[in-house]
Amino acid sequence: MKHTRDFQGAASLLKILGHPLRLKIVCGLLGEPANLTRIARDLQIPVSTAAQHLSVLRRGGVLEESKSGVEVTFRVTDDRVPAILQVLCSTSPAAGSLPSWSWRRLKADTPMTGAKS
């Protein structure tokens, strides 16, 4: 059986994730679902900025929203995302699992773990 790879799909996903704020949003949502207000508050960014990035992630199929009354909660639905973040955020090839993400640790001015200056 011939194995095929979806390079176009992989490149599209990387482009969608290719902004520091979107990476932080996705990292936070892997820890727990959250609404727009919480994401903006905890990352210390304007609500409009958070909404724009959530829209890109949602349109790209990375996130799903669920509504309960007037509240909209976002969660990660793309199964490839945790593995990608594991590679991006690990400090060594032997790192076993994603760190326990906390919204408070992902403030807008804080560099991602493992990022090079």
Protein backbone atom coordinates (compact mmCIF):
# COMPACT_ATOMS: atom_id res chain seq x y z
CA MET A 1 0.00 0.00 0.00
CA LYS A 2 1.37 3.40 -0.99
CA HIS A 3 1.58 6.00 1.78
CA THR A 4 0.66 9.50 0.75
CA ARG A 5 1.30 12.63 2.71
CA ASP A 6 -0.83 15.72 2.70
CA PHE A 7 1.88 18.34 2.47
CA GLN A 8 -0.58 21.02 1.40
CA GLY A 9 -2.79 20.34 4.43
CA ALA A 10 0.23 20.31 6.76
CA ALA A 11 1.50 23.60 5.32
CA SER A 12 -1.95 25.14 5.73
CA LEU A 13 -2.09 24.09 9.39
CA LEU A 14 1.37 25.49 10.06
CA LYS A 15 0.35 28.77 8.43
CA ILE A 16 -2.75 28.94 10.64
CA LEU A 17 -0.64 28.31 13.76
CA GLY A 18 2.12 30.61 12.53
CA HIS A 19 1.56 33.55 14.86
CA PRO A 20 2.76 33.76 18.48
CA LEU A 21 -0.65 34.77 19.82
CA ARG A 22 -2.40 31.94 17.99
CA LEU A 23 0.13 29.48 19.42
CA LYS A 24 -0.52 30.84 22.91
CA ILE A 25 -4.29 30.64 22.42
CA VAL A 26 -4.06 27.03 21.24
CA CYS A 27 -1.71 26.12 24.11
CA GLY A 28 -4.15 27.57 26.60
CA LEU A 29 -7.10 25.81 25.01
CA LEU A 30 -5.30 22.47 25.15
CA GLY A 31 -5.26 22.93 28.93
CA GLU A 32 -8.94 23.81 29.11
CA PRO A 33 -11.67 25.34 26.95
CA ALA A 34 -12.25 29.07 27.42
CA ASN A 35 -14.40 31.93 26.19
CA LEU A 36 -13.26 35.06 24.34
CA THR A 37 -13.26 37.28 27.42
CA ARG A 38 -11.07 34.92 29.42
CA ILE A 39 -8.61 34.43 26.56
CA ALA A 40 -8.23 38.20 26.07
CA ARG A 41 -7.95 38.89 29.80
CA ASP A 42 -5.46 36.15 30.58
CA LEU A 43 -3.24 36.92 27.57
CA GLN A 44 -3.58 40.64 28.29
CA ILE A 45 -4.64 41.50 24.75
CA PRO A 46 -7.63 43.46 23.42
CA VAL A 47 -10.82 41.44 22.92
CA SER A 48 -10.83 42.45 19.24
CA THR A 49 -7.33 41.01 18.77
CA ALA A 50 -8.29 37.75 20.46
CA ALA A 51 -11.46 37.56 18.33
CA GLN A 52 -9.47 38.00 15.11
CA HIS A 53 -7.06 35.20 16.00
CA LEU A 54 -9.87 32.91 17.18
CA SER A 55 -11.59 33.49 13.85
CA VAL A 56 -8.48 32.39 11.92
CA LEU A 57 -8.15 29.28 14.09
CA ARG A 58 -11.85 28.44 13.78
CA ARG A 59 -11.97 28.94 10.00
CA GLY A 60 -8.87 26.75 9.71
CA GLY A 61 -10.54 23.89 11.56
CA VAL A 62 -8.21 24.05 14.56
CA LEU A 63 -10.90 25.18 17.00
CA GLU A 64 -14.55 24.49 17.55
CA GLU A 65 -16.95 26.71 19.40
CA SER A 66 -19.83 25.59 21.55
CA LYS A 67 -22.63 27.88 22.66
CA SER A 68 -24.43 27.80 25.95
CA GLY A 69 -26.92 30.65 26.05
CA VAL A 70 -24.93 33.74 25.12
CA GLU A 71 -21.54 32.31 26.11
CA VAL A 72 -19.32 30.84 23.39
CA THR A 73 -16.54 28.51 24.52
CA PHE A 74 -13.63 27.47 22.30
CA ARG A 75 -11.71 24.19 22.33
CA VAL A 76 -9.04 22.57 20.14
CA THR A 77 -10.43 19.94 17.78
CA ASP A 78 -7.54 19.23 15.40
CA ASP A 79 -5.77 16.08 16.62
CA ARG A 80 -2.47 17.14 15.00
CA VAL A 81 -2.09 20.25 17.16
CA PRO A 82 -0.86 18.63 20.42
CA ALA A 83 1.90 16.77 18.55
CA ILE A 84 2.98 19.93 16.72
CA LEU A 85 3.10 21.90 19.96
CA GLN A 86 5.03 19.09 21.62
CA VAL A 87 7.76 19.48 19.02
CA LEU A 88 7.73 23.29 19.15
CA CYS A 89 7.74 23.55 22.94
CA SER A 90 9.99 20.71 23.98
CA THR A 91 13.43 21.59 25.25
CA SER A 92 14.85 18.20 24.30
CA PRO A 93 13.95 15.39 21.91
CA ALA A 94 13.26 13.16 24.93
CA ALA A 95 10.55 15.42 26.36
CA GLY A 96 7.64 13.14 27.10
CA SER A 97 4.48 15.22 27.07
CA LEU A 98 3.16 18.72 26.79
CA PRO A 99 3.59 20.79 29.90
CA SER A 100 0.50 21.54 31.92
CA TRP A 101 -0.61 24.76 30.26
CA SER A 102 -2.01 27.56 32.30
CA TRP A 103 -3.55 30.71 30.87
CA ARG A 104 -1.62 32.73 33.41
CA ARG A 105 1.67 31.36 32.06
CA LEU A 106 0.81 32.39 28.51
CA LYS A 107 0.60 36.16 28.90
CA ALA A 108 1.22 38.09 25.71
CA ASP A 109 4.63 39.35 26.83
CA THR A 110 5.95 35.96 27.92
CA PRO A 111 8.03 33.99 25.39
CA MET A 112 7.00 30.42 24.71
CA THR A 113 8.94 27.69 26.53
CA GLY A 114 11.84 26.50 24.43
CA ALA A 115 11.77 29.54 22.14
CA LYS A 116 15.15 30.87 21.11
CA SER A 117 15.87 34.57 21.62
